[in-house]
Amino acid sequence: MRKITMWFLATIAVVVLLFSYKTSTGPGSSLSAGTVDGASAPGVGIGAGAPADPGTSKGTVARSGSTTVADGPVVQTKRGNVQVQASISGGRITDISPVTVPNDNNRSREINKHAVPQLRTEALAAQSAQIDAVSGATLTSEGYTESLQAALDSAQFKAKP
């Protein structure tokens, strides 16, 4: 009888521990971009003052001389939040930096390590947010282009033909 009681209590303890375990794959578990496997991913970084609450950021514009820096809004996707910052100088997009990208698990980090630089390259070449999605990173691509388009709109950027 004593062994049965101990077995029963141990089983209950294990079940309680299993149910209280928090995974990082639930909704809203996106982290800011930063490092991928301990190293900074190319083209992936954290901007100062990244908004914590998606939907509250409308994007900001700062002008310094002939350079305009526009933050796009935080775009919420199923995989996490995406936000970009665009630099415009001389009527051209000169740089695009991700402020936040989905980075909550190894798969997201691996996908975005390749997708974000590709999205940046395509957008700089096109001089617009009208770019193709990266295969395998559709949600990040959609969030990236939406945030970039809003940043360009807030900076009143018009692509030159």
N, C-alpha and C. Protein backbone atom coordinates (compact mmCIF):
# COMPACT_ATOMS: atom_id res chain seq x y z
N MET A 1 0.83 -1.20 0.00
CA MET A 1 0.00 0.00 0.00
C MET A 1 0.87 1.25 0.00
N ARG A 2 1.97 1.18 0.70
CA ARG A 2 2.87 2.33 0.78
C ARG A 2 3.49 2.63 -0.58
N LYS A 3 3.88 1.60 -1.35
CA LYS A 3 4.47 1.78 -2.66
C LYS A 3 3.46 2.39 -3.63
N ILE A 4 2.24 1.97 -3.54
CA ILE A 4 1.20 2.51 -4.41
C ILE A 4 0.98 3.99 -4.13
N THR A 5 0.96 4.38 -2.88
CA THR A 5 0.78 5.78 -2.50
C THR A 5 1.93 6.63 -3.03
N MET A 6 3.16 6.15 -2.89
CA MET A 6 4.33 6.90 -3.37
C MET A 6 4.29 7.02 -4.90
N TRP A 7 3.93 5.94 -5.58
CA TRP A 7 3.84 5.95 -7.03
C TRP A 7 2.77 6.96 -7.49
N PHE A 8 1.64 6.96 -6.82
CA PHE A 8 0.54 7.86 -7.14
C PHE A 8 0.96 9.33 -6.95
N LEU A 9 1.63 9.65 -5.85
CA LEU A 9 2.07 11.02 -5.59
C LEU A 9 3.14 11.46 -6.61
N ALA A 10 4.02 10.56 -6.95
CA ALA A 10 5.05 10.88 -7.94
C ALA A 10 4.41 11.14 -9.30
N THR A 11 3.42 10.37 -9.68
CA THR A 11 2.73 10.56 -10.95
C THR A 11 2.02 11.91 -10.98
N ILE A 12 1.38 12.27 -9.91
CA ILE A 12 0.69 13.56 -9.82
C ILE A 12 1.70 14.70 -9.94
N ALA A 13 2.85 14.58 -9.28
CA ALA A 13 3.87 15.62 -9.35
C ALA A 13 4.38 15.80 -10.78
N VAL A 14 4.60 14.70 -11.48
CA VAL A 14 5.08 14.77 -12.86
C VAL A 14 4.02 15.41 -13.76
N VAL A 15 2.77 15.05 -13.59
CA VAL A 15 1.70 15.62 -14.39
C VAL A 15 1.58 17.13 -14.15
N VAL A 16 1.68 17.55 -12.90
CA VAL A 16 1.62 18.98 -12.57
C VAL A 16 2.79 19.72 -13.23
N LEU A 17 3.98 19.16 -13.16
CA LEU A 17 5.14 19.79 -13.79
C LEU A 17 4.97 19.89 -15.30
N LEU A 18 4.46 18.86 -15.93
CA LEU A 18 4.25 18.90 -17.37
C LEU A 18 3.24 19.96 -17.79
N PHE A 19 2.17 20.09 -17.05
CA PHE A 19 1.15 21.08 -17.40
C PHE A 19 1.60 22.50 -17.10
N SER A 20 2.54 22.69 -16.19
CA SER A 20 2.99 24.04 -15.87
C SER A 20 4.16 24.48 -16.74
N TYR A 21 4.70 23.60 -17.58
CA TYR A 21 5.82 23.94 -18.46
C TYR A 21 5.36 24.90 -19.56
N LYS A 22 6.07 26.00 -19.71
CA LYS A 22 5.74 27.00 -20.72
C LYS A 22 6.63 26.80 -21.94
N THR A 23 6.02 26.69 -23.10
CA THR A 23 6.80 26.56 -24.33
C THR A 23 6.94 27.93 -24.97
N SER A 24 7.86 28.05 -25.90
CA SER A 24 8.08 29.34 -26.56
C SER A 24 7.42 29.38 -27.94
N THR A 25 6.52 28.46 -28.21
CA THR A 25 5.89 28.45 -29.54
C THR A 25 4.49 28.99 -29.54
N GLY A 26 4.03 29.52 -28.45
CA GLY A 26 2.68 30.06 -28.39
C GLY A 26 2.58 31.41 -29.06
N PRO A 27 1.36 31.91 -29.25
CA PRO A 27 1.18 33.20 -29.88
C PRO A 27 1.77 34.30 -29.01
N GLY A 28 2.32 35.31 -29.68
CA GLY A 28 2.87 36.43 -28.94
C GLY A 28 4.22 36.13 -28.33
N SER A 29 4.90 35.11 -28.79
CA SER A 29 6.18 34.76 -28.18
C SER A 29 7.36 35.25 -28.99
N SER A 30 7.12 36.22 -29.87
CA SER A 30 8.19 36.75 -30.70
C SER A 30 9.14 37.57 -29.85
N LEU A 31 10.42 37.44 -30.15
CA LEU A 31 11.43 38.25 -29.50
C LEU A 31 12.00 39.21 -30.50
N SER A 32 12.63 40.24 -30.02
CA SER A 32 13.28 41.16 -30.93
C SER A 32 14.44 40.47 -31.60
N ALA A 33 14.78 40.95 -32.76
CA ALA A 33 15.92 40.39 -33.47
C ALA A 33 17.16 40.69 -32.68
N GLY A 34 18.19 39.96 -32.94
CA GLY A 34 19.44 40.21 -32.25
C GLY A 34 20.46 39.23 -32.71
N THR A 35 20.62 38.19 -31.96
CA THR A 35 21.63 37.23 -32.35
C THR A 35 20.98 35.96 -32.85
N VAL A 36 21.66 35.31 -33.72
CA VAL A 36 21.22 34.03 -34.24
C VAL A 36 22.31 33.04 -33.88
N ASP A 37 22.02 32.08 -33.05
CA ASP A 37 22.99 31.10 -32.59
C ASP A 37 24.22 31.76 -31.99
N GLY A 38 24.00 32.82 -31.21
CA GLY A 38 25.09 33.47 -30.50
C GLY A 38 25.84 34.52 -31.31
N ALA A 39 25.55 34.66 -32.58
CA ALA A 39 26.23 35.65 -33.41
C ALA A 39 25.19 36.52 -34.07
N SER A 40 25.58 37.74 -34.33
CA SER A 40 24.65 38.66 -34.98
C SER A 40 24.42 38.22 -36.41
N ALA A 41 23.17 38.10 -36.79
CA ALA A 41 22.83 37.70 -38.15
C ALA A 41 23.03 38.88 -39.08
N PRO A 42 23.51 38.64 -40.29
CA PRO A 42 23.70 39.75 -41.22
C PRO A 42 22.38 40.41 -41.54
N GLY A 43 22.34 41.73 -41.39
CA GLY A 43 21.13 42.47 -41.72
C GLY A 43 20.04 42.35 -40.68
N VAL A 44 20.33 41.76 -39.53
CA VAL A 44 19.33 41.61 -38.49
C VAL A 44 19.85 42.27 -37.24
N GLY A 45 19.11 43.26 -36.74
CA GLY A 45 19.57 43.94 -35.54
C GLY A 45 18.42 44.53 -34.78
N ILE A 46 18.75 45.14 -33.65
CA ILE A 46 17.74 45.77 -32.82
C ILE A 46 17.97 47.27 -32.86
N GLY A 47 16.91 48.00 -33.15
CA GLY A 47 17.01 49.45 -33.10
C GLY A 47 16.67 49.92 -31.70
N ALA A 48 17.24 51.03 -31.30
CA ALA A 48 16.97 51.57 -29.97
C ALA A 48 15.51 51.99 -29.90
N GLY A 49 14.88 51.70 -28.80
CA GLY A 49 13.52 52.13 -28.58
C GLY A 49 12.49 51.36 -29.38
N ALA A 50 12.76 50.10 -29.68
CA ALA A 50 11.79 49.31 -30.43
C ALA A 50 10.50 49.19 -29.63
N PRO A 51 9.35 49.44 -30.23
CA PRO A 51 8.10 49.38 -29.49
C PRO A 51 7.80 47.97 -29.02
N ALA A 52 7.29 47.88 -27.82
CA ALA A 52 6.99 46.59 -27.25
C ALA A 52 5.61 46.09 -27.66
N ASP A 53 4.71 47.00 -27.96
CA ASP A 53 3.33 46.62 -28.24
C ASP A 53 3.00 46.84 -29.71
N PRO A 54 2.80 45.75 -30.48
CA PRO A 54 2.46 45.93 -31.87
C PRO A 54 1.14 46.65 -32.00
N GLY A 55 1.04 47.45 -33.03
CA GLY A 55 -0.21 48.17 -33.25
C GLY A 55 -0.19 49.56 -32.64
N THR A 56 0.71 49.81 -31.66
CA THR A 56 0.76 51.13 -31.06
C THR A 56 1.71 52.03 -31.81
N SER A 57 2.64 51.45 -32.57
CA SER A 57 3.60 52.23 -33.33
C SER A 57 3.02 52.54 -34.70
N LYS A 58 3.01 53.80 -35.06
CA LYS A 58 2.55 54.21 -36.38
C LYS A 58 3.74 54.47 -37.29
N GLY A 59 4.95 54.42 -36.73
CA GLY A 59 6.14 54.74 -37.50
C GLY A 59 6.55 56.17 -37.23
N THR A 60 7.85 56.42 -37.25
CA THR A 60 8.35 57.76 -37.02
C THR A 60 9.28 58.15 -38.16
N VAL A 61 9.42 59.45 -38.35
CA VAL A 61 10.30 59.97 -39.39
C VAL A 61 11.24 60.98 -38.75
N ALA A 62 12.53 60.85 -39.05
CA ALA A 62 13.53 61.81 -38.58
C ALA A 62 14.33 62.28 -39.79
N ARG A 63 14.49 63.60 -39.89
CA ARG A 63 15.25 64.17 -41.01
C ARG A 63 16.50 64.84 -40.46
N SER A 64 17.61 64.56 -41.12
CA SER A 64 18.88 65.18 -40.75
C SER A 64 19.61 65.54 -42.04
N GLY A 65 19.58 66.81 -42.37
CA GLY A 65 20.18 67.24 -43.63
C GLY A 65 19.41 66.65 -44.80
N SER A 66 20.12 65.93 -45.67
CA SER A 66 19.46 65.33 -46.83
C SER A 66 19.04 63.89 -46.59
N THR A 67 19.26 63.39 -45.38
CA THR A 67 18.91 62.01 -45.06
C THR A 67 17.64 61.96 -44.22
N THR A 68 16.76 61.06 -44.62
CA THR A 68 15.52 60.82 -43.88
C THR A 68 15.54 59.38 -43.40
N VAL A 69 15.24 59.19 -42.12
CA VAL A 69 15.16 57.85 -41.55
C VAL A 69 13.73 57.65 -41.07
N ALA A 70 13.07 56.63 -41.62
CA ALA A 70 11.67 56.38 -41.29
C ALA A 70 11.52 54.98 -40.71
N ASP A 71 10.89 54.90 -39.55
CA ASP A 71 10.56 53.61 -38.95
C ASP A 71 9.17 53.21 -39.41
N GLY A 72 9.05 51.98 -39.87
CA GLY A 72 7.74 51.45 -40.19
C GLY A 72 7.06 51.01 -38.91
N PRO A 73 5.77 50.75 -38.97
CA PRO A 73 5.07 50.26 -37.79
C PRO A 73 5.41 48.80 -37.53
N VAL A 74 5.14 48.35 -36.32
CA VAL A 74 5.30 46.93 -35.98
C VAL A 74 4.14 46.20 -36.64
N VAL A 75 4.46 45.20 -37.45
CA VAL A 75 3.45 44.40 -38.13
C VAL A 75 3.40 43.04 -37.44
N GLN A 76 2.23 42.69 -36.96
CA GLN A 76 2.06 41.43 -36.25
C GLN A 76 1.74 40.33 -37.25
N THR A 77 2.54 39.24 -37.22
CA THR A 77 2.29 38.08 -38.06
C THR A 77 2.05 36.88 -37.16
N LYS A 78 1.67 35.76 -37.75
CA LYS A 78 1.45 34.54 -36.96
C LYS A 78 2.73 34.08 -36.28
N ARG A 79 3.87 34.36 -36.87
CA ARG A 79 5.16 33.90 -36.35
C ARG A 79 5.83 34.91 -35.43
N GLY A 80 5.32 36.14 -35.41
CA GLY A 80 5.93 37.17 -34.56
C GLY A 80 5.86 38.53 -35.22
N ASN A 81 6.44 39.51 -34.56
CA ASN A 81 6.38 40.89 -35.02
C ASN A 81 7.52 41.20 -35.99
N VAL A 82 7.22 42.06 -36.94
CA VAL A 82 8.21 42.51 -37.92
C VAL A 82 8.13 44.03 -37.98
N GLN A 83 9.31 44.67 -37.94
CA GLN A 83 9.39 46.12 -38.09
C GLN A 83 10.70 46.45 -38.79
N VAL A 84 10.66 47.39 -39.72
CA VAL A 84 11.87 47.81 -40.42
C VAL A 84 12.04 49.32 -40.35
N GLN A 85 13.27 49.75 -40.63
CA GLN A 85 13.63 51.16 -40.67
C GLN A 85 14.28 51.43 -42.01
N ALA A 86 13.83 52.45 -42.70
CA ALA A 86 14.37 52.79 -44.02
C ALA A 86 15.10 54.12 -43.97
N SER A 87 16.25 54.16 -44.61
CA SER A 87 17.02 55.41 -44.74
C SER A 87 16.93 55.85 -46.20
N ILE A 88 16.63 57.13 -46.37
CA ILE A 88 16.44 57.69 -47.71
C ILE A 88 17.34 58.91 -47.84
N SER A 89 18.08 58.95 -48.92
CA SER A 89 18.97 60.09 -49.17
C SER A 89 19.04 60.33 -50.68
N GLY A 90 18.95 61.58 -51.07
CA GLY A 90 19.02 61.92 -52.48
C GLY A 90 17.91 61.30 -53.31
N GLY A 91 16.75 61.11 -52.72
CA GLY A 91 15.62 60.55 -53.46
C GLY A 91 15.72 59.06 -53.69
N ARG A 92 16.64 58.38 -52.97
CA ARG A 92 16.82 56.93 -53.12
C ARG A 92 16.82 56.27 -51.75
N ILE A 93 16.35 55.04 -51.70
CA ILE A 93 16.43 54.25 -50.47
C ILE A 93 17.88 53.78 -50.38
N THR A 94 18.57 54.20 -49.33
CA THR A 94 19.99 53.86 -49.19
C THR A 94 20.24 52.70 -48.23
N ASP A 95 19.31 52.45 -47.32
CA ASP A 95 19.49 51.35 -46.39
C ASP A 95 18.13 50.95 -45.81
N ILE A 96 18.04 49.68 -45.48
CA ILE A 96 16.85 49.15 -44.80
C ILE A 96 17.36 48.25 -43.69
N SER A 97 16.95 48.56 -42.47
CA SER A 97 17.39 47.77 -41.33
C SER A 97 16.19 47.16 -40.62
N PRO A 98 16.23 45.87 -40.34
CA PRO A 98 15.14 45.30 -39.54
C PRO A 98 15.29 45.71 -38.09
N VAL A 99 14.23 46.16 -37.50
CA VAL A 99 14.23 46.51 -36.07
C VAL A 99 13.82 45.28 -35.27
N THR A 100 12.78 44.60 -35.75
CA THR A 100 12.28 43.40 -35.09
C THR A 100 11.88 42.38 -36.14
N VAL A 101 12.28 41.13 -35.91
CA VAL A 101 11.85 40.02 -36.76
C VAL A 101 11.54 38.84 -35.85
N PRO A 102 10.72 37.90 -36.30
CA PRO A 102 10.45 36.71 -35.48
C PRO A 102 11.77 35.99 -35.15
N ASN A 103 11.97 35.73 -33.88
CA ASN A 103 13.24 35.17 -33.43
C ASN A 103 13.00 34.29 -32.20
N ASP A 104 11.83 33.64 -32.14
CA ASP A 104 11.45 32.93 -30.93
C ASP A 104 11.90 31.47 -30.87
N ASN A 105 12.38 30.93 -31.98
CA ASN A 105 12.86 29.55 -31.95
C ASN A 105 13.93 29.37 -33.02
N ASN A 106 14.61 28.24 -33.00
CA ASN A 106 15.70 28.00 -33.95
C ASN A 106 15.23 28.07 -35.39
N ARG A 107 14.04 27.56 -35.66
CA ARG A 107 13.53 27.57 -37.04
C ARG A 107 13.34 28.99 -37.54
N SER A 108 12.73 29.86 -36.73
CA SER A 108 12.53 31.25 -37.12
C SER A 108 13.87 31.95 -37.34
N ARG A 109 14.83 31.72 -36.44
CA ARG A 109 16.15 32.33 -36.59
C ARG A 109 16.82 31.86 -37.88
N GLU A 110 16.72 30.57 -38.18
CA GLU A 110 17.33 30.02 -39.38
C GLU A 110 16.69 30.60 -40.65
N ILE A 111 15.37 30.66 -40.66
CA ILE A 111 14.65 31.22 -41.82
C ILE A 111 15.04 32.68 -42.02
N ASN A 112 14.99 33.46 -40.95
CA ASN A 112 15.22 34.90 -41.07
C ASN A 112 16.68 35.26 -41.31
N LYS A 113 17.59 34.36 -40.94
CA LYS A 113 19.01 34.60 -41.21
C LYS A 113 19.24 34.70 -42.72
N HIS A 114 18.45 33.97 -43.49
CA HIS A 114 18.58 34.01 -44.95
C HIS A 114 17.57 34.95 -45.60
N ALA A 115 16.36 35.02 -45.05
CA ALA A 115 15.29 35.79 -45.70
C ALA A 115 15.47 37.30 -45.56
N VAL A 116 15.85 37.77 -44.39
CA VAL A 116 15.92 39.21 -44.16
C VAL A 116 16.96 39.89 -45.06
N PRO A 117 18.17 39.36 -45.18
CA PRO A 117 19.12 40.00 -46.11
C PRO A 117 18.63 39.95 -47.57
N GLN A 118 17.95 38.88 -47.94
CA GLN A 118 17.43 38.77 -49.30
C GLN A 118 16.33 39.81 -49.54
N LEU A 119 15.45 39.99 -48.57
CA LEU A 119 14.40 41.00 -48.69
C LEU A 119 15.01 42.40 -48.80
N ARG A 120 16.03 42.66 -48.01
CA ARG A 120 16.72 43.96 -48.04
C ARG A 120 17.32 44.21 -49.42
N THR A 121 18.03 43.22 -49.94
CA THR A 121 18.67 43.35 -51.25
C THR A 121 17.64 43.62 -52.35
N GLU A 122 16.54 42.88 -52.33
CA GLU A 122 15.50 43.06 -53.34
C GLU A 122 14.85 44.44 -53.25
N ALA A 123 14.58 44.88 -52.02
CA ALA A 123 13.93 46.18 -51.85
C ALA A 123 14.87 47.32 -52.27
N LEU A 124 16.15 47.20 -51.96
CA LEU A 124 17.09 48.24 -52.39
C LEU A 124 17.23 48.27 -53.91
N ALA A 125 17.25 47.10 -54.53
CA ALA A 125 17.33 47.03 -55.99
C ALA A 125 16.07 47.59 -56.64
N ALA A 126 14.91 47.28 -56.07
CA ALA A 126 13.63 47.74 -56.63
C ALA A 126 13.32 49.18 -56.26
N GLN A 127 14.00 49.70 -55.22
CA GLN A 127 13.72 51.04 -54.70
C GLN A 127 12.25 51.19 -54.33
N SER A 128 11.68 50.10 -53.80
CA SER A 128 10.29 50.12 -53.33
C SER A 128 10.04 48.90 -52.45
N ALA A 129 8.84 48.83 -51.92
CA ALA A 129 8.43 47.68 -51.12
C ALA A 129 7.72 46.65 -51.97
N GLN A 130 7.62 46.89 -53.27
CA GLN A 130 6.95 45.96 -54.18
C GLN A 130 7.95 44.89 -54.61
N ILE A 131 8.16 43.91 -53.73
CA ILE A 131 9.13 42.85 -53.98
C ILE A 131 8.47 41.50 -53.78
N ASP A 132 9.10 40.47 -54.31
CA ASP A 132 8.59 39.11 -54.16
C ASP A 132 8.88 38.59 -52.75
N ALA A 133 8.00 37.73 -52.28
CA ALA A 133 8.22 37.08 -50.99
C ALA A 133 9.34 36.05 -51.13
N VAL A 134 10.04 35.83 -50.04
CA VAL A 134 11.09 34.81 -50.01
C VAL A 134 10.42 33.48 -49.73
N SER A 135 10.72 32.50 -50.55
CA SER A 135 10.14 31.16 -50.38
C SER A 135 10.51 30.59 -49.02
N GLY A 136 9.52 30.13 -48.29
CA GLY A 136 9.74 29.57 -46.96
C GLY A 136 9.66 30.61 -45.86
N ALA A 137 9.56 31.88 -46.23
CA ALA A 137 9.47 32.96 -45.24
C ALA A 137 8.34 33.92 -45.63
N THR A 138 7.23 33.35 -46.02
CA THR A 138 6.12 34.15 -46.53
C THR A 138 5.61 35.15 -45.49
N LEU A 139 5.42 34.71 -44.26
CA LEU A 139 4.87 35.61 -43.24
C LEU A 139 5.84 36.74 -42.91
N THR A 140 7.12 36.42 -42.78
CA THR A 140 8.11 37.46 -42.54
C THR A 140 8.16 38.41 -43.73
N SER A 141 8.10 37.88 -44.94
CA SER A 141 8.13 38.71 -46.15
C SER A 141 6.96 39.68 -46.17
N GLU A 142 5.78 39.19 -45.86
CA GLU A 142 4.60 40.05 -45.85
C GLU A 142 4.71 41.14 -44.80
N GLY A 143 5.15 40.79 -43.60
CA GLY A 143 5.34 41.78 -42.55
C GLY A 143 6.40 42.80 -42.91
N TYR A 144 7.49 42.32 -43.52
CA TYR A 144 8.60 43.18 -43.93
C TYR A 144 8.13 44.21 -44.95
N THR A 145 7.43 43.75 -45.99
CA THR A 145 7.00 44.66 -47.04
C THR A 145 5.93 45.64 -46.53
N GLU A 146 5.06 45.17 -45.65
CA GLU A 146 4.03 46.06 -45.09
C GLU A 146 4.66 47.16 -44.24
N SER A 147 5.61 46.78 -43.38
CA SER A 147 6.28 47.77 -42.54
C SER A 147 7.12 48.73 -43.38
N LEU A 148 7.81 48.19 -44.39
CA LEU A 148 8.62 49.03 -45.27
C LEU A 148 7.76 50.01 -46.05
N GLN A 149 6.64 49.54 -46.60
CA GLN A 149 5.76 50.44 -47.36
C GLN A 149 5.24 51.56 -46.47
N ALA A 150 4.87 51.25 -45.25
CA ALA A 150 4.38 52.27 -44.33
C ALA A 150 5.50 53.27 -43.99
N ALA A 151 6.73 52.78 -43.84
CA ALA A 151 7.86 53.68 -43.57
C ALA A 151 8.08 54.61 -44.75
N LEU A 152 8.04 54.06 -45.96
CA LEU A 152 8.24 54.88 -47.15
C LEU A 152 7.11 55.90 -47.32
N ASP A 153 5.88 55.48 -47.02
CA ASP A 153 4.74 56.39 -47.09
C ASP A 153 4.89 57.53 -46.07
N SER A 154 5.30 57.19 -44.85
CA SER A 154 5.43 58.23 -43.82
C SER A 154 6.56 59.20 -44.15
N ALA A 155 7.56 58.75 -44.89
CA ALA A 155 8.66 59.62 -45.32
C ALA A 155 8.31 60.35 -46.63
N GLN A 156 7.12 60.08 -47.16
CA GLN A 156 6.65 60.65 -48.41
C GLN A 156 7.62 60.36 -49.55
N PHE A 157 8.12 59.12 -49.57
CA PHE A 157 9.06 58.69 -50.59
C PHE A 157 8.32 58.32 -51.87
N LYS A 158 8.79 58.85 -52.95
CA LYS A 158 8.24 58.51 -54.27
C LYS A 158 9.39 57.96 -55.10
N ALA A 159 9.24 56.74 -55.56
CA ALA A 159 10.29 56.11 -56.37
C ALA A 159 10.40 56.87 -57.69
N LYS A 160 11.65 57.08 -58.10
CA LYS A 160 11.88 57.74 -59.38
C LYS A 160 11.87 56.67 -60.48
N PRO A 161 11.19 56.94 -61.58
CA PRO A 161 11.12 55.95 -62.66
C PRO A 161 12.45 55.75 -63.36
